Amino acid sequence: MAGIEIVPTGAALGADVVGLDLREPLGPEVVAQVQEAFHTHAVLRFRGQQLNKAEQVAFSRYFGEPVPHPTNTRDRDPEQPEITIISNIEENGKAVGALGNAELTFHADLVFLHTPGSISLLYCVETPTTGGDTYWSSGYAAYEALDEATKRQIANLGVVYVHNNPAYNPPTPPIHPLVCTHPETGHKTLFLSPNAAQRITGLPADAGRALLDQLYYHATEERFVWRHHWQPGDLIMWDNRCTLHRRDGFPQDQRRLMWRTQLLGPCTQ
């Protein structure tokens, strides 16, 4: 562990891990230190890396089993199917990856599945000079900042999630609790993803939508958010169970190329 340093961002979440070359095998003590930092800060940044796809997958395996993206088959890397290509680049008139150059609003990954995303890892190969920044918000901090009456109100409520593409949805839609107890840290976190949230169970539609909107605006207040400006060689891993994330749009004529690995797991104990 000599030379490894964990440097918090100073925001509600996020920290840099300094002194690791992720191409090299990590001993159990190092993995434990990274895991502890991850549980504390929810988002970790590793700068100055020079990874190939197999090395990214190998690093991801220290924290679970990376899976081919459960719904996006088109943008999986054919030689390394655990890697999903995130890019706006076009070759011969065809997109080489997913998500293009548009803004993406705050969300959690794969909430429309019964087992949503647990940990996501994103590695920057190319990045535009303008735009494309990513933001994370802390579900821990957002939950703690709620008044006691709201905590009591939402303690046992669930949200039904449905993707707008019917092909991605399981036969019965999942219901995830608004307040999750993180399965590894034991801390309570506000868990919601407005892009796929359909309704709150047990509430009239209008009241449920108003509550979802109220909680979304609360959870994404600036005091809970950390902003990251990408550089080639950045790898960021984040805990999908206790964060939301969004992306700025960027000019289509500027190239952005990212590799993503994905782990799945329950959002609550």
C-alpha atoms as a PDB file:
ATOM      1  CA  MET A   1       0.000   0.000   0.000  1.00  0.00           C
ATOM      2  CA  ALA A   2       3.060   2.244   0.082  1.00  0.00           C
ATOM      3  CA  GLY A   3       2.509   5.417  -1.904  1.00  0.00           C
ATOM      4  CA  ILE A   4      -1.265   5.098  -2.257  1.00  0.00           C
ATOM      5  CA  GLU A   5      -3.182   8.187  -1.221  1.00  0.00           C
ATOM      6  CA  ILE A   6      -6.927   8.839  -1.010  1.00  0.00           C
ATOM      7  CA  VAL A   7      -7.668  12.526  -1.654  1.00  0.00           C
ATOM      8  CA  PRO A   8     -11.316  13.598  -1.117  1.00  0.00           C
ATOM      9  CA  THR A   9     -12.753  16.083  -3.613  1.00  0.00           C
ATOM     10  CA  GLY A  10     -14.149  18.297  -0.854  1.00  0.00           C
ATOM     11  CA  ALA A  11     -17.657  17.826  -2.249  1.00  0.00           C
ATOM     12  CA  ALA A  12     -20.393  15.650  -0.757  1.00  0.00           C
ATOM     13  CA  LEU A  13     -18.838  12.637  -2.484  1.00  0.00           C
ATOM     14  CA  GLY A  14     -15.862  11.587  -4.582  1.00  0.00           C
ATOM     15  CA  ALA A  15     -12.143  11.064  -4.029  1.00  0.00           C
ATOM     16  CA  ASP A  16      -8.973  10.594  -6.063  1.00  0.00           C
ATOM     17  CA  VAL A  17      -6.935   7.430  -5.647  1.00  0.00           C
ATOM     18  CA  VAL A  18      -3.324   8.411  -6.241  1.00  0.00           C
ATOM     19  CA  GLY A  19      -0.372   6.073  -6.721  1.00  0.00           C
ATOM     20  CA  LEU A  20      -1.925   3.066  -8.462  1.00  0.00           C
ATOM     21  CA  ASP A  21      -1.171   1.694 -11.916  1.00  0.00           C
ATOM     22  CA  LEU A  22      -4.329  -0.258 -12.694  1.00  0.00           C
ATOM     23  CA  ARG A  23      -2.516  -2.351 -15.296  1.00  0.00           C
ATOM     24  CA  GLU A  24      -0.716  -4.134 -12.472  1.00  0.00           C
ATOM     25  CA  PRO A  25      -2.250  -6.893 -10.296  1.00  0.00           C
ATOM     26  CA  LEU A  26      -3.453  -5.558  -6.954  1.00  0.00           C
ATOM     27  CA  GLY A  27      -2.789  -7.360  -3.692  1.00  0.00           C
ATOM     28  CA  PRO A  28      -5.622  -8.002  -1.231  1.00  0.00           C
ATOM     29  CA  GLU A  29      -4.484  -5.187   1.087  1.00  0.00           C
ATOM     30  CA  VAL A  30      -4.638  -2.678  -1.756  1.00  0.00           C
ATOM     31  CA  VAL A  31      -8.036  -3.924  -2.902  1.00  0.00           C
ATOM     32  CA  ALA A  32      -9.314  -3.599   0.676  1.00  0.00           C
ATOM     33  CA  GLN A  33      -8.027  -0.021   0.873  1.00  0.00           C
ATOM     34  CA  VAL A  34      -9.710   0.905  -2.407  1.00  0.00           C
ATOM     35  CA  GLN A  35     -12.933  -0.796  -1.289  1.00  0.00           C
ATOM     36  CA  GLU A  36     -12.919   1.145   1.988  1.00  0.00           C
ATOM     37  CA  ALA A  37     -12.410   4.414   0.120  1.00  0.00           C
ATOM     38  CA  PHE A  38     -15.207   3.477  -2.258  1.00  0.00           C
ATOM     39  CA  HIS A  39     -17.630   2.822   0.581  1.00  0.00           C
ATOM     40  CA  THR A  40     -16.669   6.143   2.152  1.00  0.00           C
ATOM     41  CA  HIS A  41     -16.751   8.363  -0.958  1.00  0.00           C
ATOM     42  CA  ALA A  42     -19.066   6.466  -3.392  1.00  0.00           C
ATOM     43  CA  VAL A  43     -17.132   7.768  -6.445  1.00  0.00           C
ATOM     44  CA  LEU A  44     -13.419   7.141  -7.030  1.00  0.00           C
ATOM     45  CA  ARG A  45     -11.239   8.710  -9.717  1.00  0.00           C
ATOM     46  CA  PHE A  46      -8.004   7.147 -10.977  1.00  0.00           C
ATOM     47  CA  ARG A  47      -6.124   9.578 -13.239  1.00  0.00           C
ATOM     48  CA  GLY A  48      -3.308   8.972 -15.701  1.00  0.00           C
ATOM     49  CA  GLN A  49      -4.133   5.351 -16.490  1.00  0.00           C
ATOM     50  CA  GLN A  50      -3.149   3.574 -19.718  1.00  0.00           C
ATOM     51  CA  LEU A  51      -5.548   0.662 -19.850  1.00  0.00           C
ATOM     52  CA  ASN A  52      -6.571  -1.712 -22.557  1.00  0.00           C
ATOM     53  CA  LYS A  53     -10.011  -3.300 -22.441  1.00  0.00           C
ATOM     54  CA  ALA A  54      -8.889  -6.550 -20.856  1.00  0.00           C
ATOM     55  CA  GLU A  55      -7.096  -4.624 -18.109  1.00  0.00           C
ATOM     56  CA  GLN A  56     -10.215  -2.604 -17.368  1.00  0.00           C
ATOM     57  CA  VAL A  57     -12.258  -5.792 -17.078  1.00  0.00           C
ATOM     58  CA  ALA A  58      -9.598  -7.338 -14.822  1.00  0.00           C
ATOM     59  CA  PHE A  59      -9.667  -4.314 -12.514  1.00  0.00           C
ATOM     60  CA  SER A  60     -13.480  -4.377 -12.417  1.00  0.00           C
ATOM     61  CA  ARG A  61     -13.364  -7.986 -11.223  1.00  0.00           C
ATOM     62  CA  TYR A  62     -11.808  -6.938  -7.920  1.00  0.00           C
ATOM     63  CA  PHE A  63     -15.257  -5.591  -6.979  1.00  0.00           C
ATOM     64  CA  GLY A  64     -17.598  -8.149  -8.524  1.00  0.00           C
ATOM     65  CA  GLU A  65     -18.332  -9.819 -11.821  1.00  0.00           C
ATOM     66  CA  PRO A  66     -18.647  -7.398 -14.775  1.00  0.00           C
ATOM     67  CA  VAL A  67     -21.394  -8.449 -17.165  1.00  0.00           C
ATOM     68  CA  PRO A  68     -22.166  -7.650 -20.786  1.00  0.00           C
ATOM     69  CA  HIS A  69     -24.643  -4.805 -20.730  1.00  0.00           C
ATOM     70  CA  PRO A  70     -28.042  -6.392 -20.001  1.00  0.00           C
ATOM     71  CA  THR A  71     -29.943  -4.443 -22.660  1.00  0.00           C
ATOM     72  CA  ASN A  72     -27.419  -2.832 -25.009  1.00  0.00           C
ATOM     73  CA  THR A  73     -26.147  -5.589 -27.294  1.00  0.00           C
ATOM     74  CA  ARG A  74     -25.330  -3.322 -30.238  1.00  0.00           C
ATOM     75  CA  ASP A  75     -22.535  -1.385 -28.520  1.00  0.00           C
ATOM     76  CA  ARG A  76     -20.788  -4.240 -26.723  1.00  0.00           C
ATOM     77  CA  ASP A  77     -17.193  -4.763 -27.756  1.00  0.00           C
ATOM     78  CA  PRO A  78     -17.202  -8.000 -29.809  1.00  0.00           C
ATOM     79  CA  GLU A  79     -13.829  -9.155 -28.465  1.00  0.00           C
ATOM     80  CA  GLN A  80     -14.429  -8.044 -24.861  1.00  0.00           C
ATOM     81  CA  PRO A  81     -18.215  -8.266 -24.339  1.00  0.00           C
ATOM     82  CA  GLU A  82     -18.027  -6.928 -20.772  1.00  0.00           C
ATOM     83  CA  ILE A  83     -17.050  -3.563 -22.333  1.00  0.00           C
ATOM     84  CA  THR A  84     -19.758  -1.258 -23.675  1.00  0.00           C
ATOM     85  CA  ILE A  85     -18.562   1.495 -26.009  1.00  0.00           C
ATOM     86  CA  ILE A  86     -19.869   4.976 -25.107  1.00  0.00           C
ATOM     87  CA  SER A  87     -19.189   7.380 -27.964  1.00  0.00           C
ATOM     88  CA  ASN A  88     -20.513   9.914 -30.455  1.00  0.00           C
ATOM     89  CA  ILE A  89     -17.963   8.870 -33.107  1.00  0.00           C
ATOM     90  CA  GLU A  90     -19.280   7.675 -36.461  1.00  0.00           C
ATOM     91  CA  GLU A  91     -17.389   5.489 -38.917  1.00  0.00           C
ATOM     92  CA  ASN A  92     -18.752   4.952 -42.423  1.00  0.00           C
ATOM     93  CA  GLY A  93     -21.926   6.717 -41.369  1.00  0.00           C
ATOM     94  CA  LYS A  94     -22.512   4.364 -38.436  1.00  0.00           C
ATOM     95  CA  ALA A  95     -22.201   5.116 -34.719  1.00  0.00           C
ATOM     96  CA  VAL A  96     -19.438   3.118 -33.037  1.00  0.00           C
ATOM     97  CA  GLY A  97     -20.957   3.444 -29.560  1.00  0.00           C
ATOM     98  CA  ALA A  98     -23.919   4.458 -27.435  1.00  0.00           C
ATOM     99  CA  LEU A  99     -25.397   7.699 -26.087  1.00  0.00           C
ATOM    100  CA  GLY A 100     -24.163  10.160 -28.730  1.00  0.00           C
ATOM    101  CA  ASN A 101     -23.434  13.747 -27.714  1.00  0.00           C
ATOM    102  CA  ALA A 102     -26.689  14.885 -26.075  1.00  0.00           C
ATOM    103  CA  GLU A 103     -27.115  15.904 -22.455  1.00  0.00           C
ATOM    104  CA  LEU A 104     -28.118  13.086 -20.111  1.00  0.00           C
ATOM    105  CA  THR A 105     -30.144  14.043 -17.056  1.00  0.00           C
ATOM    106  CA  PHE A 106     -29.583  12.677 -13.549  1.00  0.00           C
ATOM    107  CA  HIS A 107     -30.342   8.968 -13.283  1.00  0.00           C
ATOM    108  CA  ALA A 108     -29.251   5.658 -11.772  1.00  0.00           C
ATOM    109  CA  ASP A 109     -28.268   2.800 -14.060  1.00  0.00           C
ATOM    110  CA  LEU A 110     -30.606  -0.056 -14.991  1.00  0.00           C
ATOM    111  CA  VAL A 111     -33.297   0.675 -12.410  1.00  0.00           C
ATOM    112  CA  PHE A 112     -35.890  -0.806 -14.779  1.00  0.00           C
ATOM    113  CA  LEU A 113     -34.420  -4.258 -13.999  1.00  0.00           C
ATOM    114  CA  HIS A 114     -35.159  -6.264 -10.867  1.00  0.00           C
ATOM    115  CA  THR A 115     -31.417  -6.344 -10.200  1.00  0.00           C
ATOM    116  CA  PRO A 116     -30.147  -2.874 -11.176  1.00  0.00           C
ATOM    117  CA  GLY A 117     -26.606  -1.627 -11.595  1.00  0.00           C
ATOM    118  CA  SER A 118     -24.438  -1.793  -8.494  1.00  0.00           C
ATOM    119  CA  ILE A 119     -21.027  -0.491  -9.607  1.00  0.00           C
ATOM    120  CA  SER A 120     -20.236   1.222 -12.902  1.00  0.00           C
ATOM    121  CA  LEU A 121     -16.743   1.945 -14.235  1.00  0.00           C
ATOM    122  CA  LEU A 122     -16.028   4.385 -17.068  1.00  0.00           C
ATOM    123  CA  TYR A 123     -12.639   4.846 -18.719  1.00  0.00           C
ATOM    124  CA  CYS A 124     -11.848   7.860 -20.895  1.00  0.00           C
ATOM    125  CA  VAL A 125     -10.006   7.197 -24.170  1.00  0.00           C
ATOM    126  CA  GLU A 126     -10.901  10.463 -25.942  1.00  0.00           C
ATOM    127  CA  THR A 127     -12.795  13.493 -24.662  1.00  0.00           C
ATOM    128  CA  PRO A 128     -13.989  16.772 -26.204  1.00  0.00           C
ATOM    129  CA  THR A 129     -12.408  20.082 -25.287  1.00  0.00           C
ATOM    130  CA  THR A 130     -15.882  21.548 -24.650  1.00  0.00           C
ATOM    131  CA  GLY A 131     -18.656  19.919 -22.637  1.00  0.00           C
ATOM    132  CA  GLY A 132     -19.106  16.274 -21.756  1.00  0.00           C
ATOM    133  CA  ASP A 133     -18.525  16.783 -18.014  1.00  0.00           C
ATOM    134  CA  THR A 134     -20.131  14.240 -15.677  1.00  0.00           C
ATOM    135  CA  TYR A 135     -21.799  15.027 -12.346  1.00  0.00           C
ATOM    136  CA  TRP A 136     -22.595  12.753  -9.422  1.00  0.00           C
ATOM    137  CA  SER A 137     -24.957  13.453  -6.534  1.00  0.00           C
ATOM    138  CA  SER A 138     -24.888  11.738  -3.138  1.00  0.00           C
ATOM    139  CA  GLY A 139     -27.964   9.783  -2.093  1.00  0.00           C
ATOM    140  CA  TYR A 140     -26.476   9.491   1.404  1.00  0.00           C
ATOM    141  CA  ALA A 141     -26.142  13.253   1.855  1.00  0.00           C
ATOM    142  CA  ALA A 142     -29.532  13.921   0.263  1.00  0.00           C
ATOM    143  CA  TYR A 143     -31.238  11.477   2.614  1.00  0.00           C
ATOM    144  CA  GLU A 144     -29.516  12.838   5.713  1.00  0.00           C
ATOM    145  CA  ALA A 145     -30.581  16.391   4.790  1.00  0.00           C
ATOM    146  CA  LEU A 146     -34.287  15.510   4.660  1.00  0.00           C
ATOM    147  CA  ASP A 147     -36.459  16.664   7.540  1.00  0.00           C
ATOM    148  CA  GLU A 148     -37.722  13.975   9.881  1.00  0.00           C
ATOM    149  CA  ALA A 149     -41.305  14.222   8.654  1.00  0.00           C
ATOM    150  CA  THR A 150     -40.246  13.477   5.081  1.00  0.00           C
ATOM    151  CA  LYS A 151     -38.052  10.590   6.225  1.00  0.00           C
ATOM    152  CA  ARG A 152     -41.065   9.069   7.977  1.00  0.00           C
ATOM    153  CA  GLN A 153     -43.281   9.690   4.948  1.00  0.00           C
ATOM    154  CA  ILE A 154     -41.013   7.880   2.493  1.00  0.00           C
ATOM    155  CA  ALA A 155     -39.633   5.170   4.800  1.00  0.00           C
ATOM    156  CA  ASN A 156     -41.703   2.341   3.347  1.00  0.00           C
ATOM    157  CA  LEU A 157     -42.567   3.623  -0.109  1.00  0.00           C
ATOM    158  CA  GLY A 158     -41.531   1.924  -3.348  1.00  0.00           C
ATOM    159  CA  VAL A 159     -41.196   3.158  -6.928  1.00  0.00           C
ATOM    160  CA  VAL A 160     -42.261   1.232 -10.021  1.00  0.00           C
ATOM    161  CA  TYR A 161     -39.715   1.544 -12.842  1.00  0.00           C
ATOM    162  CA  VAL A 162     -40.311   1.031 -16.574  1.00  0.00           C
ATOM    163  CA  HIS A 163     -37.961   1.803 -19.472  1.00  0.00           C
ATOM    164  CA  ASN A 164     -39.439   3.731 -22.404  1.00  0.00           C
ATOM    165  CA  ASN A 165     -38.194   0.959 -24.723  1.00  0.00           C
ATOM    166  CA  PRO A 166     -40.542  -2.001 -24.056  1.00  0.00           C
ATOM    167  CA  ALA A 167     -37.911  -4.472 -25.264  1.00  0.00           C
ATOM    168  CA  TYR A 168     -35.752  -3.675 -22.230  1.00  0.00           C
ATOM    169  CA  ASN A 169     -38.412  -4.377 -19.621  1.00  0.00           C
ATOM    170  CA  PRO A 170     -38.894  -7.648 -17.705  1.00  0.00           C
ATOM    171  CA  PRO A 171     -42.370  -9.265 -17.773  1.00  0.00           C
ATOM    172  CA  THR A 172     -43.270  -7.580 -14.485  1.00  0.00           C
ATOM    173  CA  PRO A 173     -41.819  -4.172 -13.595  1.00  0.00           C
ATOM    174  CA  PRO A 174     -39.523  -3.914 -10.588  1.00  0.00           C
ATOM    175  CA  ILE A 175     -40.386  -1.971  -7.457  1.00  0.00           C
ATOM    176  CA  HIS A 176     -37.380  -0.452  -5.684  1.00  0.00           C
ATOM    177  CA  PRO A 177     -37.635   1.282  -2.292  1.00  0.00           C
ATOM    178  CA  LEU A 178     -37.283   5.053  -2.138  1.00  0.00           C
ATOM    179  CA  VAL A 179     -35.075   4.608   0.910  1.00  0.00           C
ATOM    180  CA  CYS A 180     -32.486   1.868   0.565  1.00  0.00           C
ATOM    181  CA  THR A 181     -30.183   0.438   3.188  1.00  0.00           C
ATOM    182  CA  HIS A 182     -26.934  -0.037   1.295  1.00  0.00           C
ATOM    183  CA  PRO A 183     -26.108  -3.770   1.282  1.00  0.00           C
ATOM    184  CA  GLU A 184     -22.418  -3.218   2.090  1.00  0.00           C
ATOM    185  CA  THR A 185     -22.213  -0.033   4.155  1.00  0.00           C
ATOM    186  CA  GLY A 186     -25.520  -0.343   6.018  1.00  0.00           C
ATOM    187  CA  HIS A 187     -26.190   3.384   5.487  1.00  0.00           C
ATOM    188  CA  LYS A 188     -29.546   4.706   4.358  1.00  0.00           C
ATOM    189  CA  THR A 189     -29.673   6.402   0.986  1.00  0.00           C
ATOM    190  CA  LEU A 190     -32.295   8.123  -1.130  1.00  0.00           C
ATOM    191  CA  PHE A 191     -32.753   5.972  -4.230  1.00  0.00           C
ATOM    192  CA  LEU A 192     -34.716   7.243  -7.224  1.00  0.00           C
ATOM    193  CA  SER A 193     -34.199   7.608 -10.950  1.00  0.00           C
ATOM    194  CA  PRO A 194     -36.752   9.929 -12.535  1.00  0.00           C
ATOM    195  CA  ASN A 195     -36.067   8.871 -16.136  1.00  0.00           C
ATOM    196  CA  ALA A 196     -37.761   5.497 -15.600  1.00  0.00           C
ATOM    197  CA  ALA A 197     -39.916   6.129 -12.509  1.00  0.00           C
ATOM    198  CA  GLN A 198     -43.570   5.473 -13.265  1.00  0.00           C
ATOM    199  CA  ARG A 199     -45.325   5.818  -9.927  1.00  0.00           C
ATOM    200  CA  ILE A 200     -44.994   5.445  -6.194  1.00  0.00           C
ATOM    201  CA  THR A 201     -46.832   2.440  -4.832  1.00  0.00           C
ATOM    202  CA  GLY A 202     -49.721   3.187  -2.515  1.00  0.00           C
ATOM    203  CA  LEU A 203     -50.106   6.851  -3.524  1.00  0.00           C
ATOM    204  CA  PRO A 204     -52.482   8.489  -5.999  1.00  0.00           C
ATOM    205  CA  ALA A 205     -50.760   9.243  -9.298  1.00  0.00           C
ATOM    206  CA  ASP A 206     -50.680  13.033  -8.856  1.00  0.00           C
ATOM    207  CA  ALA A 207     -49.436  12.872  -5.278  1.00  0.00           C
ATOM    208  CA  GLY A 208     -46.811  10.305  -6.202  1.00  0.00           C
ATOM    209  CA  ARG A 209     -45.519  12.372  -9.112  1.00  0.00           C
ATOM    210  CA  ALA A 210     -45.362  15.505  -6.965  1.00  0.00           C
ATOM    211  CA  LEU A 211     -43.364  13.634  -4.324  1.00  0.00           C
ATOM    212  CA  LEU A 212     -40.972  12.207  -6.926  1.00  0.00           C
ATOM    213  CA  ASP A 213     -40.401  15.680  -8.347  1.00  0.00           C
ATOM    214  CA  GLN A 214     -39.824  17.123  -4.881  1.00  0.00           C
ATOM    215  CA  LEU A 215     -37.280  14.437  -4.004  1.00  0.00           C
ATOM    216  CA  TYR A 216     -35.523  14.693  -7.375  1.00  0.00           C
ATOM    217  CA  TYR A 217     -35.009  18.450  -7.047  1.00  0.00           C
ATOM    218  CA  HIS A 218     -33.771  17.915  -3.504  1.00  0.00           C
ATOM    219  CA  ALA A 219     -31.377  15.083  -4.393  1.00  0.00           C
ATOM    220  CA  THR A 220     -29.739  17.050  -7.196  1.00  0.00           C
ATOM    221  CA  GLU A 221     -29.142  20.283  -5.304  1.00  0.00           C
ATOM    222  CA  GLU A 222     -25.649  21.661  -5.861  1.00  0.00           C
ATOM    223  CA  ARG A 223     -24.600  20.966  -2.263  1.00  0.00           C
ATOM    224  CA  PHE A 224     -24.868  17.211  -2.923  1.00  0.00           C
ATOM    225  CA  VAL A 225     -23.087  17.216  -6.316  1.00  0.00           C
ATOM    226  CA  TRP A 226     -19.516  16.747  -7.566  1.00  0.00           C
ATOM    227  CA  ARG A 227     -18.565  17.710 -11.144  1.00  0.00           C
ATOM    228  CA  HIS A 228     -15.821  15.946 -13.093  1.00  0.00           C
ATOM    229  CA  HIS A 229     -14.041  17.291 -16.180  1.00  0.00           C
ATOM    230  CA  TRP A 230     -12.633  14.336 -18.100  1.00  0.00           C
ATOM    231  CA  GLN A 231      -9.076  13.804 -19.247  1.00  0.00           C
ATOM    232  CA  PRO A 232      -7.835  10.860 -21.347  1.00  0.00           C
ATOM    233  CA  GLY A 233      -6.637   8.171 -18.951  1.00  0.00           C
ATOM    234  CA  ASP A 234      -9.283   8.877 -16.287  1.00  0.00           C
ATOM    235  CA  LEU A 235     -11.086   5.878 -14.872  1.00  0.00           C
ATOM    236  CA  ILE A 236     -14.016   6.549 -12.567  1.00  0.00           C
ATOM    237  CA  MET A 237     -15.955   3.965 -10.612  1.00  0.00           C
ATOM    238  CA  TRP A 238     -19.174   4.875  -8.872  1.00  0.00           C
ATOM    239  CA  ASP A 239     -21.726   3.237  -6.627  1.00  0.00           C
ATOM    240  CA  ASN A 240     -25.017   3.178  -8.470  1.00  0.00           C
ATOM    241  CA  ARG A 241     -26.861   2.247  -5.260  1.00  0.00           C
ATOM    242  CA  CYS A 242     -26.214   5.564  -3.512  1.00  0.00           C
ATOM    243  CA  THR A 243     -25.603   8.085  -6.322  1.00  0.00           C
ATOM    244  CA  LEU A 244     -27.229   9.677  -9.332  1.00  0.00           C
ATOM    245  CA  HIS A 245     -25.211  10.883 -12.321  1.00  0.00           C
ATOM    246  CA  ARG A 246     -25.690  13.119 -15.350  1.00  0.00           C
ATOM    247  CA  ARG A 247     -23.684  14.319 -18.346  1.00  0.00           C
ATOM    248  CA  ASP A 248     -23.369  17.639 -20.134  1.00  0.00           C
ATOM    249  CA  GLY A 249     -23.945  17.661 -23.863  1.00  0.00           C
ATOM    250  CA  PHE A 250     -21.043  18.489 -26.172  1.00  0.00           C
ATOM    251  CA  PRO A 251     -20.495  19.412 -29.850  1.00  0.00           C
ATOM    252  CA  GLN A 252     -21.070  16.544 -32.248  1.00  0.00           C
ATOM    253  CA  ASP A 253     -17.909  17.432 -34.183  1.00  0.00           C
ATOM    254  CA  GLN A 254     -15.761  16.753 -31.098  1.00  0.00           C
ATOM    255  CA  ARG A 255     -14.891  13.112 -30.444  1.00  0.00           C
ATOM    256  CA  ARG A 256     -15.677  11.347 -27.182  1.00  0.00           C
ATOM    257  CA  LEU A 257     -14.786   7.692 -26.601  1.00  0.00           C
ATOM    258  CA  MET A 258     -15.364   5.847 -23.321  1.00  0.00           C
ATOM    259  CA  TRP A 259     -15.266   2.220 -22.224  1.00  0.00           C
ATOM    260  CA  ARG A 260     -17.769   1.111 -19.611  1.00  0.00           C
ATOM    261  CA  THR A 261     -17.947  -1.967 -17.420  1.00  0.00           C
ATOM    262  CA  GLN A 262     -21.019  -2.795 -15.364  1.00  0.00           C
ATOM    263  CA  LEU A 263     -21.735  -4.828 -12.238  1.00  0.00           C
ATOM    264  CA  LEU A 264     -25.233  -5.696 -11.027  1.00  0.00           C
ATOM    265  CA  GLY A 265     -26.606  -6.066  -7.532  1.00  0.00           C
ATOM    266  CA  PRO A 266     -29.508  -5.169  -5.212  1.00  0.00           C
ATOM    267  CA  CYS A 267     -29.876  -1.597  -4.032  1.00  0.00           C
ATOM    268  CA  THR A 268     -30.882  -2.581  -0.496  1.00  0.00           C
ATOM    269  CA  GLN A 269     -30.203  -5.175   2.196  1.00  0.00           C
END
